[in-house]
Amino acid sequence: MFEVQIYVHHKDSILDPQGEAVLNALHRLSYSQVSSITQGKYFEANIEADSKEAAKEVVESICKDLLVNHNMEAFEYKLKEVAK
């Protein structure tokens, strides 16, 4: 079994209005030391697979088919084998 942590974020070329709104709110709350912040999505999943390569294929397929809007978002993930 493999445990995966998936991070979905806006592509660098895409504006992040939620991140900007949070940054403005932080500055209004006197957190002026925060110079940038972005909003994204985070997922955790357990994948039943025979190998790390097979688990990677499942994760990438899930991201492409459901979790990521490829016009605006990119993703990265961390995959580790865990005891059954």
PDB file of N, CA and C in Angstrom:
ATOM      1  N   MET A   1       0.855  -1.175   0.000  1.00  0.00           N
ATOM      2  CA  MET A   1       0.000   0.000   0.000  1.00  0.00           C
ATOM      3  C   MET A   1       0.897   1.234   0.000  1.00  0.00           C
ATOM      4  N   PHE A   2       0.410   2.251  -0.656  1.00  0.00           N
ATOM      5  CA  PHE A   2       1.154   3.505  -0.758  1.00  0.00           C
ATOM      6  C   PHE A   2       0.282   4.655  -0.263  1.00  0.00           C
ATOM      7  N   GLU A   3       0.910   5.564   0.415  1.00  0.00           N
ATOM      8  CA  GLU A   3       0.236   6.771   0.897  1.00  0.00           C
ATOM      9  C   GLU A   3       0.708   7.919   0.012  1.00  0.00           C
ATOM     10  N   VAL A   4      -0.243   8.725  -0.443  1.00  0.00           N
ATOM     11  CA  VAL A   4       0.106   9.840  -1.318  1.00  0.00           C
ATOM     12  C   VAL A   4      -0.454  11.134  -0.750  1.00  0.00           C
ATOM     13  N   GLN A   5       0.342  12.179  -0.875  1.00  0.00           N
ATOM     14  CA  GLN A   5      -0.081  13.539  -0.547  1.00  0.00           C
ATOM     15  C   GLN A   5      -0.018  14.318  -1.855  1.00  0.00           C
ATOM     16  N   ILE A   6      -1.145  14.876  -2.251  1.00  0.00           N
ATOM     17  CA  ILE A   6      -1.246  15.579  -3.530  1.00  0.00           C
ATOM     18  C   ILE A   6      -1.474  17.061  -3.263  1.00  0.00           C
ATOM     19  N   TYR A   7      -0.654  17.889  -3.899  1.00  0.00           N
ATOM     20  CA  TYR A   7      -0.767  19.338  -3.783  1.00  0.00           C
ATOM     21  C   TYR A   7      -1.158  19.897  -5.148  1.00  0.00           C
ATOM     22  N   VAL A   8      -2.266  20.618  -5.194  1.00  0.00           N
ATOM     23  CA  VAL A   8      -2.747  21.239  -6.427  1.00  0.00           C
ATOM     24  C   VAL A   8      -2.657  22.750  -6.234  1.00  0.00           C
ATOM     25  N   HIS A   9      -2.072  23.436  -7.205  1.00  0.00           N
ATOM     26  CA  HIS A   9      -1.890  24.886  -7.088  1.00  0.00           C
ATOM     27  C   HIS A   9      -2.068  25.532  -8.453  1.00  0.00           C
ATOM     28  N   HIS A  10      -2.284  26.844  -8.436  1.00  0.00           N
ATOM     29  CA  HIS A  10      -2.421  27.571  -9.699  1.00  0.00           C
ATOM     30  C   HIS A  10      -1.103  27.533 -10.452  1.00  0.00           C
ATOM     31  N   LYS A  11      -1.181  27.504 -11.771  1.00  0.00           N
ATOM     32  CA  LYS A  11       0.018  27.647 -12.589  1.00  0.00           C
ATOM     33  C   LYS A  11       0.587  29.038 -12.363  1.00  0.00           C
ATOM     34  N   ASP A  12       1.892  29.185 -12.563  1.00  0.00           N
ATOM     35  CA  ASP A  12       2.539  30.481 -12.337  1.00  0.00           C
ATOM     36  C   ASP A  12       1.927  31.594 -13.179  1.00  0.00           C
ATOM     37  N   SER A  13       1.423  31.263 -14.354  1.00  0.00           N
ATOM     38  CA  SER A  13       0.869  32.274 -15.258  1.00  0.00           C
ATOM     39  C   SER A  13      -0.562  32.679 -14.909  1.00  0.00           C
ATOM     40  N   ILE A  14      -1.164  32.034 -13.917  1.00  0.00           N
ATOM     41  CA  ILE A  14      -2.561  32.295 -13.550  1.00  0.00           C
ATOM     42  C   ILE A  14      -2.622  33.155 -12.294  1.00  0.00           C
ATOM     43  N   LEU A  15      -3.450  34.178 -12.327  1.00  0.00           N
ATOM     44  CA  LEU A  15      -3.657  35.004 -11.140  1.00  0.00           C
ATOM     45  C   LEU A  15      -4.382  34.193 -10.072  1.00  0.00           C
ATOM     46  N   ASP A  16      -4.087  34.488  -8.817  1.00  0.00           N
ATOM     47  CA  ASP A  16      -4.688  33.784  -7.681  1.00  0.00           C
ATOM     48  C   ASP A  16      -5.492  34.779  -6.857  1.00  0.00           C
ATOM     49  N   PRO A  17      -6.760  35.029  -7.235  1.00  0.00           N
ATOM     50  CA  PRO A  17      -7.538  36.047  -6.530  1.00  0.00           C
ATOM     51  C   PRO A  17      -7.773  35.707  -5.058  1.00  0.00           C
ATOM     52  N   GLN A  18      -7.934  34.431  -4.730  1.00  0.00           N
ATOM     53  CA  GLN A  18      -8.123  34.077  -3.314  1.00  0.00           C
ATOM     54  C   GLN A  18      -6.852  34.338  -2.520  1.00  0.00           C
ATOM     55  N   GLY A  19      -5.718  34.017  -3.095  1.00  0.00           N
ATOM     56  CA  GLY A  19      -4.448  34.301  -2.435  1.00  0.00           C
ATOM     57  C   GLY A  19      -4.270  35.793  -2.203  1.00  0.00           C
ATOM     58  N   GLU A  20      -4.618  36.595  -3.203  1.00  0.00           N
ATOM     59  CA  GLU A  20      -4.523  38.053  -3.053  1.00  0.00           C
ATOM     60  C   GLU A  20      -5.466  38.567  -1.965  1.00  0.00           C
ATOM     61  N   ALA A  21      -6.679  38.027  -1.911  1.00  0.00           N
ATOM     62  CA  ALA A  21      -7.642  38.439  -0.880  1.00  0.00           C
ATOM     63  C   ALA A  21      -7.119  38.086   0.516  1.00  0.00           C
ATOM     64  N   VAL A  22      -6.535  36.890   0.652  1.00  0.00           N
ATOM     65  CA  VAL A  22      -5.981  36.490   1.950  1.00  0.00           C
ATOM     66  C   VAL A  22      -4.806  37.388   2.315  1.00  0.00           C
ATOM     67  N   LEU A  23      -3.944  37.677   1.354  1.00  0.00           N
ATOM     68  CA  LEU A  23      -2.801  38.560   1.616  1.00  0.00           C
ATOM     69  C   LEU A  23      -3.270  39.932   2.075  1.00  0.00           C
ATOM     70  N   ASN A  24      -4.269  40.496   1.394  1.00  0.00           N
ATOM     71  CA  ASN A  24      -4.807  41.803   1.805  1.00  0.00           C
ATOM     72  C   ASN A  24      -5.389  41.745   3.210  1.00  0.00           C
ATOM     73  N   ALA A  25      -6.105  40.666   3.519  1.00  0.00           N
ATOM     74  CA  ALA A  25      -6.669  40.524   4.867  1.00  0.00           C
ATOM     75  C   ALA A  25      -5.568  40.406   5.912  1.00  0.00           C
ATOM     76  N   LEU A  26      -4.528  39.659   5.612  1.00  0.00           N
ATOM     77  CA  LEU A  26      -3.411  39.534   6.553  1.00  0.00           C
ATOM     78  C   LEU A  26      -2.748  40.888   6.806  1.00  0.00           C
ATOM     79  N   HIS A  27      -2.578  41.677   5.770  1.00  0.00           N
ATOM     80  CA  HIS A  27      -1.992  43.003   5.937  1.00  0.00           C
ATOM     81  C   HIS A  27      -2.896  43.910   6.770  1.00  0.00           C
ATOM     82  N   ARG A  28      -4.211  43.792   6.569  1.00  0.00           N
ATOM     83  CA  ARG A  28      -5.148  44.588   7.389  1.00  0.00           C
ATOM     84  C   ARG A  28      -5.084  44.169   8.863  1.00  0.00           C
ATOM     85  N   LEU A  29      -4.720  42.902   9.093  1.00  0.00           N
ATOM     86  CA  LEU A  29      -4.594  42.392  10.465  1.00  0.00           C
ATOM     87  C   LEU A  29      -3.185  42.571  11.024  1.00  0.00           C
ATOM     88  N   SER A  30      -2.401  43.417  10.357  1.00  0.00           N
ATOM     89  CA  SER A  30      -1.042  43.783  10.785  1.00  0.00           C
ATOM     90  C   SER A  30      -0.002  42.679  10.627  1.00  0.00           C
ATOM     91  N   TYR A  31      -0.254  41.729   9.737  1.00  0.00           N
ATOM     92  CA  TYR A  31       0.764  40.725   9.414  1.00  0.00           C
ATOM     93  C   TYR A  31       1.538  41.195   8.186  1.00  0.00           C
ATOM     94  N   SER A  32       2.175  42.333   8.316  1.00  0.00           N
ATOM     95  CA  SER A  32       2.869  42.957   7.188  1.00  0.00           C
ATOM     96  C   SER A  32       4.114  42.176   6.758  1.00  0.00           C
ATOM     97  N   GLN A  33       4.599  41.274   7.609  1.00  0.00           N
ATOM     98  CA  GLN A  33       5.779  40.493   7.243  1.00  0.00           C
ATOM     99  C   GLN A  33       5.474  39.411   6.204  1.00  0.00           C
ATOM    100  N   VAL A  34       4.193  39.136   5.940  1.00  0.00           N
ATOM    101  CA  VAL A  34       3.814  38.170   4.908  1.00  0.00           C
ATOM    102  C   VAL A  34       3.840  38.892   3.569  1.00  0.00           C
ATOM    103  N   SER A  35       4.722  38.449   2.668  1.00  0.00           N
ATOM    104  CA  SER A  35       4.862  39.143   1.386  1.00  0.00           C
ATOM    105  C   SER A  35       4.084  38.472   0.258  1.00  0.00           C
ATOM    106  N   SER A  36       3.760  37.183   0.416  1.00  0.00           N
ATOM    107  CA  SER A  36       2.939  36.518  -0.594  1.00  0.00           C
ATOM    108  C   SER A  36       2.319  35.271   0.021  1.00  0.00           C
ATOM    109  N   ILE A  37       1.193  34.882  -0.553  1.00  0.00           N
ATOM    110  CA  ILE A  37       0.512  33.664  -0.116  1.00  0.00           C
ATOM    111  C   ILE A  37      -0.314  33.161  -1.290  1.00  0.00           C
ATOM    112  N   THR A  38      -0.407  31.861  -1.426  1.00  0.00           N
ATOM    113  CA  THR A  38      -1.218  31.292  -2.489  1.00  0.00           C
ATOM    114  C   THR A  38      -2.221  30.320  -1.898  1.00  0.00           C
ATOM    115  N   GLN A  39      -3.296  30.136  -2.612  1.00  0.00           N
ATOM    116  CA  GLN A  39      -4.342  29.204  -2.212  1.00  0.00           C
ATOM    117  C   GLN A  39      -4.238  28.001  -3.118  1.00  0.00           C
ATOM    118  N   GLY A  40      -4.453  26.823  -2.553  1.00  0.00           N
ATOM    119  CA  GLY A  40      -4.412  25.608  -3.345  1.00  0.00           C
ATOM    120  C   GLY A  40      -5.303  24.550  -2.727  1.00  0.00           C
ATOM    121  N   LYS A  41      -5.119  23.316  -3.177  1.00  0.00           N
ATOM    122  CA  LYS A  41      -5.883  22.186  -2.643  1.00  0.00           C
ATOM    123  C   LYS A  41      -4.895  21.112  -2.207  1.00  0.00           C
ATOM    124  N   TYR A  42      -5.286  20.359  -1.187  1.00  0.00           N
ATOM    125  CA  TYR A  42      -4.437  19.296  -0.657  1.00  0.00           C
ATOM    126  C   TYR A  42      -5.290  18.042  -0.483  1.00  0.00           C
ATOM    127  N   PHE A  43      -4.771  16.911  -0.933  1.00  0.00           N
ATOM    128  CA  PHE A  43      -5.477  15.643  -0.818  1.00  0.00           C
ATOM    129  C   PHE A  43      -4.534  14.587  -0.262  1.00  0.00           C
ATOM    130  N   GLU A  44      -5.077  13.659   0.500  1.00  0.00           N
ATOM    131  CA  GLU A  44      -4.352  12.481   0.952  1.00  0.00           C
ATOM    132  C   GLU A  44      -5.140  11.257   0.522  1.00  0.00           C
ATOM    133  N   ALA A  45      -4.415  10.217   0.096  1.00  0.00           N
ATOM    134  CA  ALA A  45      -5.096   8.987  -0.322  1.00  0.00           C
ATOM    135  C   ALA A  45      -4.180   7.799  -0.054  1.00  0.00           C
ATOM    136  N   ASN A  46      -4.800   6.640   0.105  1.00  0.00           N
ATOM    137  CA  ASN A  46      -4.075   5.378   0.175  1.00  0.00           C
ATOM    138  C   ASN A  46      -4.344   4.629  -1.113  1.00  0.00           C
ATOM    139  N   ILE A  47      -3.286   4.153  -1.743  1.00  0.00           N
ATOM    140  CA  ILE A  47      -3.377   3.486  -3.033  1.00  0.00           C
ATOM    141  C   ILE A  47      -2.917   2.038  -2.882  1.00  0.00           C
ATOM    142  N   GLU A  48      -3.766   1.116  -3.265  1.00  0.00           N
ATOM    143  CA  GLU A  48      -3.396  -0.298  -3.301  1.00  0.00           C
ATOM    144  C   GLU A  48      -2.734  -0.554  -4.649  1.00  0.00           C
ATOM    145  N   ALA A  49      -1.449  -0.865  -4.631  1.00  0.00           N
ATOM    146  CA  ALA A  49      -0.725  -1.132  -5.864  1.00  0.00           C
ATOM    147  C   ALA A  49       0.430  -2.081  -5.573  1.00  0.00           C
ATOM    148  N   ASP A  50       0.836  -2.815  -6.591  1.00  0.00           N
ATOM    149  CA  ASP A  50       1.915  -3.794  -6.436  1.00  0.00           C
ATOM    150  C   ASP A  50       3.301  -3.172  -6.457  1.00  0.00           C
ATOM    151  N   SER A  51       3.413  -1.968  -7.031  1.00  0.00           N
ATOM    152  CA  SER A  51       4.725  -1.321  -7.117  1.00  0.00           C
ATOM    153  C   SER A  51       4.555   0.186  -7.025  1.00  0.00           C
ATOM    154  N   LYS A  52       5.666   0.868  -6.791  1.00  0.00           N
ATOM    155  CA  LYS A  52       5.637   2.318  -6.724  1.00  0.00           C
ATOM    156  C   LYS A  52       5.264   2.910  -8.084  1.00  0.00           C
ATOM    157  N   GLU A  53       5.761   2.307  -9.148  1.00  0.00           N
ATOM    158  CA  GLU A  53       5.429   2.780 -10.496  1.00  0.00           C
ATOM    159  C   GLU A  53       3.926   2.657 -10.770  1.00  0.00           C
ATOM    160  N   ALA A  54       3.322   1.553 -10.356  1.00  0.00           N
ATOM    161  CA  ALA A  54       1.879   1.375 -10.548  1.00  0.00           C
ATOM    162  C   ALA A  54       1.097   2.403  -9.734  1.00  0.00           C
ATOM    163  N   ALA A  55       1.550   2.675  -8.515  1.00  0.00           N
ATOM    164  CA  ALA A  55       0.890   3.681  -7.677  1.00  0.00           C
ATOM    165  C   ALA A  55       1.007   5.061  -8.312  1.00  0.00           C
ATOM    166  N   LYS A  56       2.168   5.390  -8.884  1.00  0.00           N
ATOM    167  CA  LYS A  56       2.357   6.675  -9.566  1.00  0.00           C
ATOM    168  C   LYS A  56       1.383   6.826 -10.721  1.00  0.00           C
ATOM    169  N   GLU A  57       1.204   5.761 -11.471  1.00  0.00           N
ATOM    170  CA  GLU A  57       0.272   5.804 -12.606  1.00  0.00           C
ATOM    171  C   GLU A  57      -1.144   6.100 -12.135  1.00  0.00           C
ATOM    172  N   VAL A  58      -1.557   5.474 -11.030  1.00  0.00           N
ATOM    173  CA  VAL A  58      -2.897   5.706 -10.486  1.00  0.00           C
ATOM    174  C   VAL A  58      -3.039   7.161 -10.037  1.00  0.00           C
ATOM    175  N   VAL A  59      -2.053   7.663  -9.301  1.00  0.00           N
ATOM    176  CA  VAL A  59      -2.108   9.038  -8.791  1.00  0.00           C
ATOM    177  C   VAL A  59      -2.190  10.034  -9.949  1.00  0.00           C
ATOM    178  N   GLU A  60      -1.335   9.867 -10.935  1.00  0.00           N
ATOM    179  CA  GLU A  60      -1.335  10.802 -12.060  1.00  0.00           C
ATOM    180  C   GLU A  60      -2.638  10.729 -12.849  1.00  0.00           C
ATOM    181  N   SER A  61      -3.212   9.559 -12.972  1.00  0.00           N
ATOM    182  CA  SER A  61      -4.492   9.416 -13.655  1.00  0.00           C
ATOM    183  C   SER A  61      -5.615  10.105 -12.871  1.00  0.00           C
ATOM    184  N   ILE A  62      -5.624   9.928 -11.552  1.00  0.00           N
ATOM    185  CA  ILE A  62      -6.624  10.590 -10.702  1.00  0.00           C
ATOM    186  C   ILE A  62      -6.531  12.107 -10.847  1.00  0.00           C
ATOM    187  N   CYS A  63      -5.311  12.614 -10.813  1.00  0.00           N
ATOM    188  CA  CYS A  63      -5.124  14.061 -10.925  1.00  0.00           C
ATOM    189  C   CYS A  63      -5.596  14.570 -12.275  1.00  0.00           C
ATOM    190  N   LYS A  64      -5.235  13.870 -13.329  1.00  0.00           N
ATOM    191  CA  LYS A  64      -5.611  14.309 -14.671  1.00  0.00           C
ATOM    192  C   LYS A  64      -7.111  14.188 -14.924  1.00  0.00           C
ATOM    193  N   ASP A  65      -7.738  13.139 -14.371  1.00  0.00           N
ATOM    194  CA  ASP A  65      -9.156  12.896 -14.634  1.00  0.00           C
ATOM    195  C   ASP A  65     -10.110  13.667 -13.733  1.00  0.00           C
ATOM    196  N   LEU A  66      -9.666  14.028 -12.513  1.00  0.00           N
ATOM    197  CA  LEU A  66     -10.617  14.597 -11.568  1.00  0.00           C
ATOM    198  C   LEU A  66     -10.110  15.796 -10.774  1.00  0.00           C
ATOM    199  N   LEU A  67      -8.930  15.707 -10.188  1.00  0.00           N
ATOM    200  CA  LEU A  67      -8.523  16.683  -9.171  1.00  0.00           C
ATOM    201  C   LEU A  67      -7.990  18.000  -9.718  1.00  0.00           C
ATOM    202  N   VAL A  68      -7.494  18.004 -10.945  1.00  0.00           N
ATOM    203  CA  VAL A  68      -6.781  19.175 -11.464  1.00  0.00           C
ATOM    204  C   VAL A  68      -7.480  19.734 -12.697  1.00  0.00           C
ATOM    205  N   ASN A  69      -7.676  21.046 -12.714  1.00  0.00           N
ATOM    206  CA  ASN A  69      -8.121  21.759 -13.906  1.00  0.00           C
ATOM    207  C   ASN A  69      -6.849  22.137 -14.666  1.00  0.00           C
ATOM    208  N   HIS A  70      -6.541  21.413 -15.708  1.00  0.00           N
ATOM    209  CA  HIS A  70      -5.247  21.573 -16.377  1.00  0.00           C
ATOM    210  C   HIS A  70      -5.070  22.902 -17.084  1.00  0.00           C
ATOM    211  N   ASN A  71      -6.157  23.642 -17.293  1.00  0.00           N
ATOM    212  CA  ASN A  71      -6.036  24.973 -17.888  1.00  0.00           C
ATOM    213  C   ASN A  71      -5.456  25.968 -16.884  1.00  0.00           C
ATOM    214  N   MET A  72      -5.729  25.749 -15.599  1.00  0.00           N
ATOM    215  CA  MET A  72      -5.351  26.735 -14.581  1.00  0.00           C
ATOM    216  C   MET A  72      -4.431  26.189 -13.500  1.00  0.00           C
ATOM    217  N   GLU A  73      -4.386  24.881 -13.327  1.00  0.00           N
ATOM    218  CA  GLU A  73      -3.707  24.312 -12.169  1.00  0.00           C
ATOM    219  C   GLU A  73      -2.604  23.330 -12.576  1.00  0.00           C
ATOM    220  N   ALA A  74      -1.687  23.151 -11.653  1.00  0.00           N
ATOM    221  CA  ALA A  74      -0.639  22.142 -11.772  1.00  0.00           C
ATOM    222  C   ALA A  74      -0.679  21.323 -10.485  1.00  0.00           C
ATOM    223  N   PHE A  75       0.041  20.212 -10.472  1.00  0.00           N
ATOM    224  CA  PHE A  75       0.046  19.394  -9.266  1.00  0.00           C
ATOM    225  C   PHE A  75       1.408  18.776  -9.050  1.00  0.00           C
ATOM    226  N   GLU A  76       1.647  18.405  -7.820  1.00  0.00           N
ATOM    227  CA  GLU A  76       2.814  17.621  -7.446  1.00  0.00           C
ATOM    228  C   GLU A  76       2.377  16.709  -6.324  1.00  0.00           C
ATOM    229  N   TYR A  77       3.140  15.678  -6.084  1.00  0.00           N
ATOM    230  CA  TYR A  77       2.729  14.736  -5.051  1.00  0.00           C
ATOM    231  C   TYR A  77       3.943  14.065  -4.413  1.00  0.00           C
ATOM    232  N   LYS A  78       3.712  13.553  -3.219  1.00  0.00           N
ATOM    233  CA  LYS A  78       4.703  12.772  -2.489  1.00  0.00           C
ATOM    234  C   LYS A  78       4.091  11.395  -2.246  1.00  0.00           C
ATOM    235  N   LEU A  79       4.828  10.369  -2.593  1.00  0.00           N
ATOM    236  CA  LEU A  79       4.335   9.011  -2.515  1.00  0.00           C
ATOM    237  C   LEU A  79       5.291   8.203  -1.643  1.00  0.00           C
ATOM    238  N   LYS A  80       4.728   7.475  -0.693  1.00  0.00           N
ATOM    239  CA  LYS A  80       5.589   6.609   0.117  1.00  0.00           C
ATOM    240  C   LYS A  80       4.866   5.303   0.403  1.00  0.00           C
ATOM    241  N   GLU A  81       5.675   4.250   0.500  1.00  0.00           N
ATOM    242  CA  GLU A  81       5.129   2.937   0.795  1.00  0.00           C
ATOM    243  C   GLU A  81       4.901   2.827   2.295  1.00  0.00           C
ATOM    244  N   VAL A  82       3.746   2.288   2.652  1.00  0.00           N
ATOM    245  CA  VAL A  82       3.415   2.101   4.073  1.00  0.00           C
ATOM    246  C   VAL A  82       3.082   0.625   4.306  1.00  0.00           C
ATOM    247  N   ALA A  83       3.220   0.209   5.543  1.00  0.00           N
ATOM    248  CA  ALA A  83       2.928  -1.187   5.875  1.00  0.00           C
ATOM    249  C   ALA A  83       1.461  -1.482   5.660  1.00  0.00           C
ATOM    250  N   LYS A  84       1.157  -2.683   5.243  1.00  0.00           N
ATOM    251  CA  LYS A  84      -0.234  -3.082   5.027  1.00  0.00           C
ATOM    252  C   LYS A  84      -0.891  -3.410   6.338  1.00  0.00           C
TER     253      LYS A  84
END
